[in-house]
Every structure is written in structure tokens, then in C-alpha cells.
Amino acid sequence: MTRVEFLSQLEQALQDKVSGSVVRENVNYYNQYISEEISKGKSEEEVLQMLGDPWILAKTIADANDGTDSETVYESEGHIYQSAPEQESSYRRTEMHTIGFDTWWKKLLLVLFVVMIVVLVVAIVSGIVSFLAPVLIPLLIVMIVVRLIGGRR
């Protein structure tokens, strides 16, 4: 995707959701932002990849503009887009990497991990019981005998 395509898609996505001045303001802002990042040495492709999907960006702008939710968050390809509560036209971008269980092998790994934890807990408990049994069983027998003898007096 090129800068022109990105800005065109952003403008198109914003058309029916916000006023014309907000559309122009945001298109100009992102055009200037892309230019600044390119002047810092990044490629156009890198900058556009950082910005993400223009349709998600437009949804965030529209939601922030209508004032219904100043903390709206949209996720796209591992990136989080969050509107800034301080200013309507200012946006923070935070990257958050999550592990999704969307494939069969990830689900299998989760099940195996849970089974392994259960087996580990059972092994520890049985180890403690088998370690203490030779000591506790004679001690319990002695206590029962003492109570029986002591109770007859």
C-alpha cells in the first residue's frame, strides 16, 4: 500500500462518520506524520505498516470524535490502537503481543501444560505422603494406644 492509497482509504472510511473538517484535519495530520517519519529515515512502507489498517484507524477517530468512548481500543495484527483521552485528534499507539489459541497445536499445548501441572501436583502430594507415612502411622498408633490406656483409668 502506498501513502496515497492509505490516505484515500482513511478519507473514504471517515466520509460518513465525521464532519468534513475532521476528515481533512485527520488526512492532513497523517500525511504530515508520514512525511516526518520518512524524513527521519524510515521507508514509506515501514511507516504505513506502523499505522496499520486505515479502516481501524478511521473507526477509532470516529468513536473518539462522537465523544461516546474516549478510551476505545481496536486491535489489528498484534497492534493496539487506543484513542488518547487528553485530545480528540491525538492518538497513542501501543504494541501488545498476545498468544492466541486459534490453532489446534496451541490448544494442544495448553491442554498438555494443564495435564503436566496436575501430574506435578499429584506427584508432590504423593511424595510428601509417602515420605511422612513411615513416621506418622506409628505416631498415630502410639497416640491411639495412649488414649485407650489413658481412658480406662
C-alpha atoms as a PDB file:
ATOM      1  CA  MET A   1       0.000   0.000   0.000  1.00  0.00           C
ATOM      2  CA  THR A   2       1.253   3.485  -0.820  1.00  0.00           C
ATOM      3  CA  ARG A   3       0.760   6.730   1.063  1.00  0.00           C
ATOM      4  CA  VAL A   4      -1.839   7.886  -1.472  1.00  0.00           C
ATOM      5  CA  GLU A   5      -3.792   4.632  -1.111  1.00  0.00           C
ATOM      6  CA  PHE A   6      -3.605   4.796   2.695  1.00  0.00           C
ATOM      7  CA  LEU A   7      -4.810   8.404   2.845  1.00  0.00           C
ATOM      8  CA  SER A   8      -7.525   7.686   0.280  1.00  0.00           C
ATOM      9  CA  GLN A   9      -8.810   4.704   2.289  1.00  0.00           C
ATOM     10  CA  LEU A  10      -8.672   6.739   5.503  1.00  0.00           C
ATOM     11  CA  GLU A  11     -10.627   9.561   3.887  1.00  0.00           C
ATOM     12  CA  GLN A  12     -13.164   7.148   2.422  1.00  0.00           C
ATOM     13  CA  ALA A  13     -13.620   5.397   5.769  1.00  0.00           C
ATOM     14  CA  LEU A  14     -14.155   8.721   7.573  1.00  0.00           C
ATOM     15  CA  GLN A  15     -16.558  10.252   4.999  1.00  0.00           C
ATOM     16  CA  ASP A  16     -19.898   9.231   6.521  1.00  0.00           C
ATOM     17  CA  LYS A  17     -18.747   9.027  10.116  1.00  0.00           C
ATOM     18  CA  VAL A  18     -17.393  12.513  10.897  1.00  0.00           C
ATOM     19  CA  SER A  19     -17.665  16.056   9.532  1.00  0.00           C
ATOM     20  CA  GLY A  20     -15.680  17.213   6.520  1.00  0.00           C
ATOM     21  CA  SER A  21     -13.375  19.366   8.648  1.00  0.00           C
ATOM     22  CA  VAL A  22     -12.472  16.388  10.845  1.00  0.00           C
ATOM     23  CA  VAL A  23     -11.808  14.292   7.734  1.00  0.00           C
ATOM     24  CA  ARG A  24      -9.483  16.966   6.294  1.00  0.00           C
ATOM     25  CA  GLU A  25      -7.790  17.521   9.657  1.00  0.00           C
ATOM     26  CA  ASN A  26      -7.001  13.817  10.090  1.00  0.00           C
ATOM     27  CA  VAL A  27      -5.952  13.213   6.487  1.00  0.00           C
ATOM     28  CA  ASN A  28      -3.617  16.234   6.685  1.00  0.00           C
ATOM     29  CA  TYR A  29      -2.308  15.084  10.072  1.00  0.00           C
ATOM     30  CA  TYR A  30      -1.463  11.573   8.828  1.00  0.00           C
ATOM     31  CA  ASN A  31       0.007  12.904   5.578  1.00  0.00           C
ATOM     32  CA  GLN A  32       2.300  15.171   7.614  1.00  0.00           C
ATOM     33  CA  TYR A  33       3.090  12.344  10.055  1.00  0.00           C
ATOM     34  CA  ILE A  34       4.107  10.023   7.216  1.00  0.00           C
ATOM     35  CA  SER A  35       6.323  12.762   5.727  1.00  0.00           C
ATOM     36  CA  GLU A  36       8.016  13.398   9.090  1.00  0.00           C
ATOM     37  CA  GLU A  37       8.713   9.716   9.659  1.00  0.00           C
ATOM     38  CA  ILE A  38      10.135   9.346   6.139  1.00  0.00           C
ATOM     39  CA  SER A  39      12.396  12.359   6.759  1.00  0.00           C
ATOM     40  CA  LYS A  40      13.653  10.577   9.906  1.00  0.00           C
ATOM     41  CA  GLY A  41      14.881   7.718   7.712  1.00  0.00           C
ATOM     42  CA  LYS A  42      12.017   5.236   7.729  1.00  0.00           C
ATOM     43  CA  SER A  43      10.630   3.893   4.491  1.00  0.00           C
ATOM     44  CA  GLU A  44       7.073   4.680   3.450  1.00  0.00           C
ATOM     45  CA  GLU A  45       6.200   1.009   3.786  1.00  0.00           C
ATOM     46  CA  GLU A  46       7.510   0.889   7.384  1.00  0.00           C
ATOM     47  CA  VAL A  47       5.513   3.966   8.384  1.00  0.00           C
ATOM     48  CA  LEU A  48       2.304   2.641   6.835  1.00  0.00           C
ATOM     49  CA  GLN A  49       2.851  -0.721   8.497  1.00  0.00           C
ATOM     50  CA  MET A  50       3.241   1.070  11.850  1.00  0.00           C
ATOM     51  CA  LEU A  51      -0.016   2.946  11.310  1.00  0.00           C
ATOM     52  CA  GLY A  52      -1.879  -0.245  10.498  1.00  0.00           C
ATOM     53  CA  ASP A  53      -5.236  -0.582   8.827  1.00  0.00           C
ATOM     54  CA  PRO A  54      -6.749   2.796   7.825  1.00  0.00           C
ATOM     55  CA  TRP A  55     -10.267   1.436   8.407  1.00  0.00           C
ATOM     56  CA  ILE A  56      -9.493   0.605  12.043  1.00  0.00           C
ATOM     57  CA  LEU A  57      -7.821   3.990  12.422  1.00  0.00           C
ATOM     58  CA  ALA A  58     -10.947   5.654  10.992  1.00  0.00           C
ATOM     59  CA  LYS A  59     -13.175   3.724  13.419  1.00  0.00           C
ATOM     60  CA  THR A  60     -11.048   4.937  16.318  1.00  0.00           C
ATOM     61  CA  ILE A  61     -11.176   8.526  15.065  1.00  0.00           C
ATOM     62  CA  ALA A  62     -14.949   8.374  14.608  1.00  0.00           C
ATOM     63  CA  ASP A  63     -15.534   6.907  18.070  1.00  0.00           C
ATOM     64  CA  ALA A  64     -13.267   9.482  19.692  1.00  0.00           C
ATOM     65  CA  ASN A  65     -14.941  12.264  17.721  1.00  0.00           C
ATOM     66  CA  ASP A  66     -18.504  11.429  18.762  1.00  0.00           C
ATOM     67  CA  GLY A  67     -17.463  11.510  22.430  1.00  0.00           C
ATOM     68  CA  THR A  68     -19.098   8.226  23.364  1.00  0.00           C
ATOM     69  CA  ASP A  69     -15.919   6.481  24.383  1.00  0.00           C
ATOM     70  CA  SER A  70     -12.644   8.286  24.961  1.00  0.00           C
ATOM     71  CA  GLU A  71     -10.806   5.041  25.713  1.00  0.00           C
ATOM     72  CA  THR A  72     -11.821   2.957  22.707  1.00  0.00           C
ATOM     73  CA  VAL A  73      -9.279   0.318  21.759  1.00  0.00           C
ATOM     74  CA  TYR A  74      -9.082  -1.561  18.460  1.00  0.00           C
ATOM     75  CA  GLU A  75      -6.699  -4.391  17.717  1.00  0.00           C
ATOM     76  CA  SER A  76      -5.186  -5.312  14.372  1.00  0.00           C
ATOM     77  CA  GLU A  77      -2.403  -7.831  13.765  1.00  0.00           C
ATOM     78  CA  GLY A  78      -0.974  -7.667  17.287  1.00  0.00           C
ATOM     79  CA  HIS A  79      -1.088  -3.846  17.441  1.00  0.00           C
ATOM     80  CA  ILE A  80      -3.352  -1.941  19.787  1.00  0.00           C
ATOM     81  CA  TYR A  81      -4.797   1.376  18.671  1.00  0.00           C
ATOM     82  CA  GLN A  82      -6.089   3.441  21.542  1.00  0.00           C
ATOM     83  CA  SER A  83      -7.568   6.906  21.475  1.00  0.00           C
ATOM     84  CA  ALA A  84      -5.937   9.399  23.815  1.00  0.00           C
ATOM     85  CA  PRO A  85      -8.329  10.903  26.379  1.00  0.00           C
ATOM     86  CA  GLU A  86      -6.446  14.230  26.532  1.00  0.00           C
ATOM     87  CA  GLN A  87      -7.137  15.323  22.941  1.00  0.00           C
ATOM     88  CA  GLU A  88      -9.614  14.040  20.388  1.00  0.00           C
ATOM     89  CA  SER A  89      -7.215  14.221  17.447  1.00  0.00           C
ATOM     90  CA  SER A  90      -4.167  12.855  19.253  1.00  0.00           C
ATOM     91  CA  TYR A  91      -3.573   9.105  19.260  1.00  0.00           C
ATOM     92  CA  ARG A  92      -1.264   6.767  21.129  1.00  0.00           C
ATOM     93  CA  ARG A  93      -0.159   3.513  19.592  1.00  0.00           C
ATOM     94  CA  THR A  94       0.858   0.718  21.914  1.00  0.00           C
ATOM     95  CA  GLU A  95       2.133  -2.639  20.765  1.00  0.00           C
ATOM     96  CA  MET A  96       0.917  -5.618  22.708  1.00  0.00           C
ATOM     97  CA  HIS A  97       1.823  -9.153  21.795  1.00  0.00           C
ATOM     98  CA  THR A  98      -0.671 -11.770  22.844  1.00  0.00           C
ATOM     99  CA  ILE A  99      -0.756 -15.509  22.478  1.00  0.00           C
ATOM    100  CA  GLY A 100      -3.992 -16.584  20.867  1.00  0.00           C
ATOM    101  CA  PHE A 101      -5.255 -20.136  21.000  1.00  0.00           C
ATOM    102  CA  ASP A 102      -6.522 -20.012  17.440  1.00  0.00           C
ATOM    103  CA  THR A 103      -4.765 -23.099  16.088  1.00  0.00           C
ATOM    104  CA  TRP A 104      -5.077 -26.743  17.079  1.00  0.00           C
ATOM    105  CA  TRP A 105      -1.446 -27.113  18.148  1.00  0.00           C
ATOM    106  CA  LYS A 106      -1.673 -24.139  20.536  1.00  0.00           C
ATOM    107  CA  LYS A 107      -4.775 -25.648  22.114  1.00  0.00           C
ATOM    108  CA  LEU A 108      -2.979 -28.998  22.382  1.00  0.00           C
ATOM    109  CA  LEU A 109      -0.012 -27.331  24.084  1.00  0.00           C
ATOM    110  CA  LEU A 110      -2.366 -25.665  26.573  1.00  0.00           C
ATOM    111  CA  VAL A 111      -4.046 -28.992  27.404  1.00  0.00           C
ATOM    112  CA  LEU A 112      -0.661 -30.714  27.789  1.00  0.00           C
ATOM    113  CA  PHE A 113       0.551 -27.901  30.059  1.00  0.00           C
ATOM    114  CA  VAL A 114      -2.528 -28.224  32.300  1.00  0.00           C
ATOM    115  CA  VAL A 115      -2.158 -32.019  32.445  1.00  0.00           C
ATOM    116  CA  MET A 116       1.520 -31.623  33.309  1.00  0.00           C
ATOM    117  CA  ILE A 117       0.687 -29.242  36.175  1.00  0.00           C
ATOM    118  CA  VAL A 118      -1.923 -31.677  37.558  1.00  0.00           C
ATOM    119  CA  VAL A 119       0.552 -34.580  37.362  1.00  0.00           C
ATOM    120  CA  LEU A 120       3.205 -32.472  39.101  1.00  0.00           C
ATOM    121  CA  VAL A 121       0.835 -31.548  41.952  1.00  0.00           C
ATOM    122  CA  VAL A 122      -0.231 -35.196  42.405  1.00  0.00           C
ATOM    123  CA  ALA A 123       3.419 -36.316  42.398  1.00  0.00           C
ATOM    124  CA  ILE A 124       4.386 -33.752  45.024  1.00  0.00           C
ATOM    125  CA  VAL A 125       1.438 -34.611  47.290  1.00  0.00           C
ATOM    126  CA  SER A 126       2.041 -38.369  46.987  1.00  0.00           C
ATOM    127  CA  GLY A 127       5.756 -37.825  47.604  1.00  0.00           C
ATOM    128  CA  ILE A 128       5.034 -35.899  50.787  1.00  0.00           C
ATOM    129  CA  VAL A 129       2.562 -38.549  51.955  1.00  0.00           C
ATOM    130  CA  SER A 130       4.963 -41.433  51.203  1.00  0.00           C
ATOM    131  CA  PHE A 131       7.771 -39.575  52.974  1.00  0.00           C
ATOM    132  CA  LEU A 132       5.736 -38.829  56.097  1.00  0.00           C
ATOM    133  CA  ALA A 133       3.723 -42.092  56.261  1.00  0.00           C
ATOM    134  CA  PRO A 134       6.500 -44.174  57.950  1.00  0.00           C
ATOM    135  CA  VAL A 135       6.683 -41.534  60.665  1.00  0.00           C
ATOM    136  CA  LEU A 136       3.021 -40.541  61.005  1.00  0.00           C
ATOM    137  CA  ILE A 137       1.443 -44.011  61.036  1.00  0.00           C
ATOM    138  CA  PRO A 138       3.432 -45.313  64.064  1.00  0.00           C
ATOM    139  CA  LEU A 139       2.913 -41.957  65.784  1.00  0.00           C
ATOM    140  CA  LEU A 140      -0.869 -42.190  65.235  1.00  0.00           C
ATOM    141  CA  ILE A 141      -0.889 -45.795  66.540  1.00  0.00           C
ATOM    142  CA  VAL A 142       1.012 -44.726  69.684  1.00  0.00           C
ATOM    143  CA  MET A 143      -1.414 -41.833  70.242  1.00  0.00           C
ATOM    144  CA  ILE A 144      -4.450 -44.130  69.886  1.00  0.00           C
ATOM    145  CA  VAL A 145      -2.957 -46.699  72.308  1.00  0.00           C
ATOM    146  CA  VAL A 146      -2.108 -43.954  74.834  1.00  0.00           C
ATOM    147  CA  ARG A 147      -5.674 -42.621  74.647  1.00  0.00           C
ATOM    148  CA  LEU A 148      -7.142 -46.082  75.044  1.00  0.00           C
ATOM    149  CA  ILE A 149      -4.933 -46.844  78.050  1.00  0.00           C
ATOM    150  CA  GLY A 150      -5.378 -43.391  79.492  1.00  0.00           C
ATOM    151  CA  GLY A 151      -9.149 -43.519  79.050  1.00  0.00           C
ATOM    152  CA  ARG A 152      -9.522 -46.722  81.183  1.00  0.00           C
ATOM    153  CA  ARG A 153      -8.121 -45.201  84.351  1.00  0.00           C
END
